[in-house]
Amino acid sequence: MTDDKNGLNLDEIEDGYQKEPEQEFELGEPMAKDVDAIYDIPVQISAVLGRSNMQVSQLLKLGRGAVVELDRKVGEAIDIYVNNRLVARGEVVVVEDKLGVTMTEIIKSDRS
C-alpha cells in the first residue's frame, strides 16, 4: 500500500514495526482484580449536622433537654466525611425507624 501524499510504502513501514502481543481479557476484568484488594479495608464515615464552640463551663452547665445552637440552618446540606476527609454533602433522611444520609453533592479532591 502506498501513501499518495508522501510516496511511502506503508507495508515496508509496518514490517519494521513490531507490535506488542495483544492481551485477551474480558471487559472490566483487570480493573476488578485490582479493586478487590481494597474492598475489605474499613473506613470511618461521619455525617456532621453542624458545629458549635463553647467554653467548658458552659458545657458542664448543659443538662437534659438543653439545646445547643449549631452553625447550620434548617434544610442546609450536612458534611459527609470519610476518614476525616470531606467527600460529600447531603441531606438527613429517615429510613424505616433510623436516620440516614443521602448524598446530594460529591466534593472533588484537590489531591492528584
N, C-alpha and C. Protein backbone atom coordinates (compact mmCIF):
# COMPACT_ATOMS: atom_id res chain seq x y z
N MET A 1 0.86 -1.16 0.00
CA MET A 1 0.00 0.00 0.00
C MET A 1 0.90 1.23 0.00
N THR A 2 0.55 2.25 -0.77
CA THR A 2 1.37 3.46 -0.89
C THR A 2 0.58 4.65 -0.41
N ASP A 3 1.23 5.50 0.39
CA ASP A 3 0.64 6.76 0.84
C ASP A 3 0.84 7.75 -0.30
N ASP A 4 -0.27 8.23 -0.92
CA ASP A 4 -0.20 9.10 -2.09
C ASP A 4 0.48 10.43 -1.80
N LYS A 5 0.34 10.97 -0.62
CA LYS A 5 0.91 12.28 -0.31
C LYS A 5 2.42 12.22 -0.22
N ASN A 6 2.98 11.21 0.44
CA ASN A 6 4.41 11.17 0.69
C ASN A 6 5.14 10.13 -0.16
N GLY A 7 4.42 9.31 -0.88
CA GLY A 7 5.04 8.28 -1.70
C GLY A 7 5.67 7.17 -0.87
N LEU A 8 5.19 6.98 0.36
CA LEU A 8 5.75 5.94 1.23
C LEU A 8 5.03 4.63 1.02
N ASN A 9 5.76 3.56 1.12
CA ASN A 9 5.17 2.23 1.07
C ASN A 9 4.87 1.82 2.51
N LEU A 10 3.59 1.82 2.88
CA LEU A 10 3.20 1.54 4.25
C LEU A 10 3.49 0.11 4.67
N ASP A 11 3.51 -0.83 3.73
CA ASP A 11 3.82 -2.22 4.06
C ASP A 11 5.25 -2.34 4.59
N GLU A 12 6.17 -1.58 4.00
CA GLU A 12 7.56 -1.62 4.45
C GLU A 12 7.70 -1.06 5.85
N ILE A 13 6.94 0.00 6.14
CA ILE A 13 6.99 0.61 7.46
C ILE A 13 6.43 -0.36 8.49
N GLU A 14 5.29 -1.01 8.18
CA GLU A 14 4.67 -1.93 9.11
C GLU A 14 5.56 -3.14 9.38
N ASP A 15 6.32 -3.61 8.37
CA ASP A 15 7.20 -4.76 8.57
C ASP A 15 8.30 -4.44 9.57
N GLY A 16 8.79 -3.21 9.60
CA GLY A 16 9.85 -2.83 10.52
C GLY A 16 9.34 -2.53 11.92
N TYR A 17 8.06 -2.34 12.06
CA TYR A 17 7.46 -2.02 13.36
C TYR A 17 6.96 -3.28 14.02
N GLN A 18 7.39 -3.52 15.24
CA GLN A 18 6.95 -4.71 15.96
C GLN A 18 5.90 -4.32 16.98
N LYS A 19 4.74 -4.90 16.82
CA LYS A 19 3.66 -4.63 17.76
C LYS A 19 3.79 -5.55 18.96
N GLU A 20 3.39 -5.05 20.13
CA GLU A 20 3.36 -5.90 21.32
C GLU A 20 2.20 -6.86 21.16
N PRO A 21 2.34 -8.08 21.70
CA PRO A 21 1.23 -9.05 21.58
C PRO A 21 -0.01 -8.52 22.30
N GLU A 22 -1.14 -8.73 21.67
CA GLU A 22 -2.40 -8.26 22.25
C GLU A 22 -2.82 -9.19 23.38
N GLN A 23 -3.30 -8.59 24.47
CA GLN A 23 -3.78 -9.38 25.59
C GLN A 23 -5.26 -9.62 25.42
N GLU A 24 -5.66 -10.83 25.73
CA GLU A 24 -7.08 -11.15 25.67
C GLU A 24 -7.64 -11.11 27.07
N PHE A 25 -8.68 -10.30 27.29
CA PHE A 25 -9.34 -10.24 28.59
C PHE A 25 -10.76 -9.76 28.39
N GLU A 26 -11.58 -10.09 29.38
CA GLU A 26 -12.96 -9.65 29.33
C GLU A 26 -13.03 -8.20 29.80
N LEU A 27 -13.99 -7.48 29.31
CA LEU A 27 -14.17 -6.09 29.66
C LEU A 27 -14.29 -5.94 31.17
N GLY A 28 -13.44 -5.10 31.76
CA GLY A 28 -13.52 -4.82 33.19
C GLY A 28 -12.76 -5.78 34.07
N GLU A 29 -12.28 -6.88 33.54
CA GLU A 29 -11.64 -7.89 34.37
C GLU A 29 -10.38 -7.40 35.07
N PRO A 30 -9.41 -6.76 34.40
CA PRO A 30 -8.21 -6.32 35.10
C PRO A 30 -8.54 -5.32 36.22
N MET A 31 -9.46 -4.41 35.98
CA MET A 31 -9.83 -3.43 36.98
C MET A 31 -10.46 -4.11 38.19
N ALA A 32 -11.30 -5.09 37.99
CA ALA A 32 -11.97 -5.78 39.08
C ALA A 32 -10.96 -6.47 39.99
N LYS A 33 -9.94 -7.08 39.43
CA LYS A 33 -8.93 -7.75 40.25
C LYS A 33 -8.17 -6.74 41.09
N ASP A 34 -7.87 -5.56 40.53
CA ASP A 34 -7.15 -4.53 41.27
C ASP A 34 -8.00 -3.98 42.42
N VAL A 35 -9.28 -3.79 42.19
CA VAL A 35 -10.17 -3.19 43.18
C VAL A 35 -10.52 -4.18 44.29
N ASP A 36 -10.53 -5.47 44.01
CA ASP A 36 -10.87 -6.47 45.02
C ASP A 36 -10.01 -6.34 46.27
N ALA A 37 -8.77 -5.92 46.12
CA ALA A 37 -7.85 -5.83 47.25
C ALA A 37 -8.28 -4.77 48.27
N ILE A 38 -9.06 -3.79 47.88
CA ILE A 38 -9.44 -2.72 48.81
C ILE A 38 -10.83 -2.87 49.40
N TYR A 39 -11.61 -3.84 48.97
CA TYR A 39 -12.99 -3.98 49.44
C TYR A 39 -13.10 -4.20 50.95
N ASP A 40 -12.15 -4.85 51.58
CA ASP A 40 -12.25 -5.19 53.00
C ASP A 40 -11.58 -4.17 53.92
N ILE A 41 -11.12 -3.04 53.38
CA ILE A 41 -10.49 -2.02 54.21
C ILE A 41 -11.58 -1.21 54.92
N PRO A 42 -11.54 -1.17 56.26
CA PRO A 42 -12.57 -0.41 56.98
C PRO A 42 -12.32 1.10 56.88
N VAL A 43 -13.40 1.87 56.79
CA VAL A 43 -13.32 3.32 56.78
C VAL A 43 -14.32 3.87 57.80
N GLN A 44 -14.03 5.06 58.31
CA GLN A 44 -14.93 5.71 59.27
C GLN A 44 -15.71 6.78 58.52
N ILE A 45 -17.04 6.72 58.61
CA ILE A 45 -17.89 7.70 57.94
C ILE A 45 -18.59 8.55 59.00
N SER A 46 -18.52 9.87 58.84
CA SER A 46 -19.16 10.79 59.77
C SER A 46 -20.05 11.75 58.99
N ALA A 47 -21.23 12.00 59.52
CA ALA A 47 -22.14 12.99 58.95
C ALA A 47 -22.28 14.12 59.96
N VAL A 48 -21.82 15.30 59.62
CA VAL A 48 -21.78 16.43 60.55
C VAL A 48 -22.96 17.35 60.27
N LEU A 49 -23.85 17.43 61.25
CA LEU A 49 -25.03 18.30 61.13
C LEU A 49 -24.65 19.76 61.28
N GLY A 50 -23.66 20.05 62.09
CA GLY A 50 -23.22 21.41 62.33
C GLY A 50 -22.20 21.43 63.45
N ARG A 51 -21.69 22.62 63.75
CA ARG A 51 -20.67 22.77 64.78
C ARG A 51 -21.03 23.92 65.69
N SER A 52 -20.45 23.88 66.89
CA SER A 52 -20.65 24.96 67.86
C SER A 52 -19.42 25.03 68.74
N ASN A 53 -19.09 26.22 69.19
CA ASN A 53 -17.98 26.43 70.13
C ASN A 53 -18.55 26.92 71.44
N MET A 54 -18.02 26.40 72.54
CA MET A 54 -18.42 26.87 73.86
C MET A 54 -17.30 26.59 74.84
N GLN A 55 -17.35 27.27 75.94
CA GLN A 55 -16.37 27.06 77.00
C GLN A 55 -16.76 25.82 77.80
N VAL A 56 -15.77 25.25 78.47
CA VAL A 56 -16.02 24.05 79.28
C VAL A 56 -17.07 24.36 80.36
N SER A 57 -17.03 25.54 80.92
CA SER A 57 -18.01 25.89 81.96
C SER A 57 -19.44 25.86 81.41
N GLN A 58 -19.61 26.31 80.15
CA GLN A 58 -20.93 26.26 79.52
C GLN A 58 -21.34 24.80 79.26
N LEU A 59 -20.38 24.00 78.82
CA LEU A 59 -20.65 22.59 78.54
C LEU A 59 -21.11 21.86 79.80
N LEU A 60 -20.47 22.15 80.92
CA LEU A 60 -20.81 21.49 82.18
C LEU A 60 -22.18 21.90 82.70
N LYS A 61 -22.68 23.05 82.28
CA LYS A 61 -24.00 23.52 82.71
C LYS A 61 -25.13 22.89 81.90
N LEU A 62 -24.80 22.23 80.79
CA LEU A 62 -25.84 21.62 79.96
C LEU A 62 -26.48 20.46 80.71
N GLY A 63 -27.76 20.34 80.57
CA GLY A 63 -28.49 19.24 81.19
C GLY A 63 -29.45 18.64 80.19
N ARG A 64 -30.23 17.70 80.66
CA ARG A 64 -31.22 17.05 79.81
C ARG A 64 -32.17 18.10 79.24
N GLY A 65 -32.38 18.03 77.94
CA GLY A 65 -33.29 18.96 77.28
C GLY A 65 -32.62 20.24 76.81
N ALA A 66 -31.34 20.41 77.13
CA ALA A 66 -30.64 21.62 76.70
C ALA A 66 -30.51 21.63 75.18
N VAL A 67 -30.54 22.80 74.59
CA VAL A 67 -30.41 22.95 73.15
C VAL A 67 -29.09 23.64 72.85
N VAL A 68 -28.30 23.03 71.98
CA VAL A 68 -27.03 23.62 71.56
C VAL A 68 -27.24 24.15 70.14
N GLU A 69 -27.05 25.44 69.96
CA GLU A 69 -27.22 26.05 68.65
C GLU A 69 -26.04 25.70 67.76
N LEU A 70 -26.32 25.22 66.55
CA LEU A 70 -25.29 24.86 65.58
C LEU A 70 -25.14 25.95 64.54
N ASP A 71 -24.08 25.88 63.77
CA ASP A 71 -23.80 26.89 62.76
C ASP A 71 -24.51 26.66 61.43
N ARG A 72 -25.46 25.77 61.39
CA ARG A 72 -26.21 25.47 60.16
C ARG A 72 -27.67 25.83 60.33
N LYS A 73 -28.31 26.12 59.20
CA LYS A 73 -29.74 26.42 59.20
C LYS A 73 -30.52 25.16 58.83
N VAL A 74 -31.78 25.15 59.16
CA VAL A 74 -32.66 24.03 58.80
C VAL A 74 -32.69 23.88 57.29
N GLY A 75 -32.51 22.68 56.80
CA GLY A 75 -32.54 22.41 55.37
C GLY A 75 -31.20 22.57 54.68
N GLU A 76 -30.19 23.10 55.39
CA GLU A 76 -28.87 23.27 54.80
C GLU A 76 -28.17 21.91 54.73
N ALA A 77 -27.35 21.72 53.71
CA ALA A 77 -26.66 20.44 53.50
C ALA A 77 -25.72 20.14 54.66
N ILE A 78 -25.58 18.86 54.97
CA ILE A 78 -24.64 18.42 56.00
C ILE A 78 -23.37 17.92 55.33
N ASP A 79 -22.27 17.93 56.07
CA ASP A 79 -20.99 17.47 55.54
C ASP A 79 -20.81 15.99 55.82
N ILE A 80 -20.32 15.26 54.83
CA ILE A 80 -20.06 13.83 54.96
C ILE A 80 -18.56 13.61 54.83
N TYR A 81 -17.98 13.03 55.88
CA TYR A 81 -16.54 12.79 55.92
C TYR A 81 -16.27 11.29 55.87
N VAL A 82 -15.21 10.92 55.16
CA VAL A 82 -14.70 9.54 55.18
C VAL A 82 -13.26 9.63 55.65
N ASN A 83 -12.97 8.98 56.78
CA ASN A 83 -11.64 9.05 57.40
C ASN A 83 -11.19 10.50 57.57
N ASN A 84 -12.08 11.32 58.11
CA ASN A 84 -11.82 12.73 58.41
C ASN A 84 -11.52 13.59 57.18
N ARG A 85 -11.91 13.14 56.01
CA ARG A 85 -11.75 13.92 54.78
C ARG A 85 -13.14 14.19 54.21
N LEU A 86 -13.42 15.47 53.95
CA LEU A 86 -14.72 15.86 53.39
C LEU A 86 -14.84 15.28 51.98
N VAL A 87 -15.86 14.44 51.76
CA VAL A 87 -16.03 13.81 50.45
C VAL A 87 -17.37 14.16 49.78
N ALA A 88 -18.35 14.61 50.60
CA ALA A 88 -19.66 14.87 50.01
C ALA A 88 -20.49 15.76 50.93
N ARG A 89 -21.59 16.24 50.39
CA ARG A 89 -22.60 16.94 51.17
C ARG A 89 -23.92 16.22 50.93
N GLY A 90 -24.81 16.29 51.90
CA GLY A 90 -26.05 15.55 51.75
C GLY A 90 -27.16 16.06 52.63
N GLU A 91 -28.19 15.24 52.71
CA GLU A 91 -29.38 15.57 53.50
C GLU A 91 -29.71 14.41 54.42
N VAL A 92 -30.28 14.73 55.57
CA VAL A 92 -30.72 13.71 56.51
C VAL A 92 -32.03 13.13 56.00
N VAL A 93 -32.14 11.81 56.05
CA VAL A 93 -33.37 11.12 55.65
C VAL A 93 -33.74 10.12 56.74
N VAL A 94 -34.99 9.71 56.75
CA VAL A 94 -35.45 8.68 57.67
C VAL A 94 -35.73 7.43 56.87
N VAL A 95 -35.08 6.33 57.26
CA VAL A 95 -35.27 5.04 56.61
C VAL A 95 -35.85 4.11 57.65
N GLU A 96 -37.12 3.74 57.48
CA GLU A 96 -37.87 2.98 58.48
C GLU A 96 -37.82 3.76 59.78
N ASP A 97 -37.17 3.24 60.82
CA ASP A 97 -37.12 3.98 62.09
C ASP A 97 -35.72 4.49 62.41
N LYS A 98 -34.86 4.59 61.38
CA LYS A 98 -33.48 5.03 61.59
C LYS A 98 -33.18 6.26 60.75
N LEU A 99 -32.21 7.06 61.23
CA LEU A 99 -31.74 8.20 60.46
C LEU A 99 -30.71 7.74 59.45
N GLY A 100 -30.68 8.38 58.32
CA GLY A 100 -29.69 8.08 57.29
C GLY A 100 -29.29 9.36 56.59
N VAL A 101 -28.39 9.23 55.66
CA VAL A 101 -27.90 10.38 54.91
C VAL A 101 -27.93 10.03 53.43
N THR A 102 -28.42 10.94 52.62
CA THR A 102 -28.36 10.78 51.18
C THR A 102 -27.41 11.82 50.62
N MET A 103 -26.50 11.39 49.75
CA MET A 103 -25.52 12.31 49.19
C MET A 103 -26.15 13.12 48.06
N THR A 104 -25.97 14.42 48.10
CA THR A 104 -26.50 15.29 47.06
C THR A 104 -25.40 15.94 46.24
N GLU A 105 -24.17 15.95 46.78
CA GLU A 105 -23.05 16.57 46.08
C GLU A 105 -21.76 15.86 46.47
N ILE A 106 -20.98 15.46 45.48
CA ILE A 106 -19.68 14.85 45.72
C ILE A 106 -18.64 15.96 45.66
N ILE A 107 -17.75 16.00 46.64
CA ILE A 107 -16.71 17.03 46.69
C ILE A 107 -15.45 16.46 46.03
N LYS A 108 -14.97 17.14 45.00
CA LYS A 108 -13.76 16.70 44.31
C LYS A 108 -12.54 17.01 45.15
N SER A 109 -11.63 16.07 45.18
CA SER A 109 -10.39 16.23 45.95
C SER A 109 -9.39 17.05 45.17
N ASP A 110 -8.62 17.88 45.86
CA ASP A 110 -7.57 18.66 45.23
C ASP A 110 -6.32 17.83 45.01
N ARG A 111 -6.25 16.65 45.67
CA ARG A 111 -5.08 15.79 45.57
C ARG A 111 -5.04 15.09 44.23
N SER A 112 -3.88 15.05 43.58
CA SER A 112 -3.75 14.43 42.27
C SER A 112 -3.38 12.98 42.41
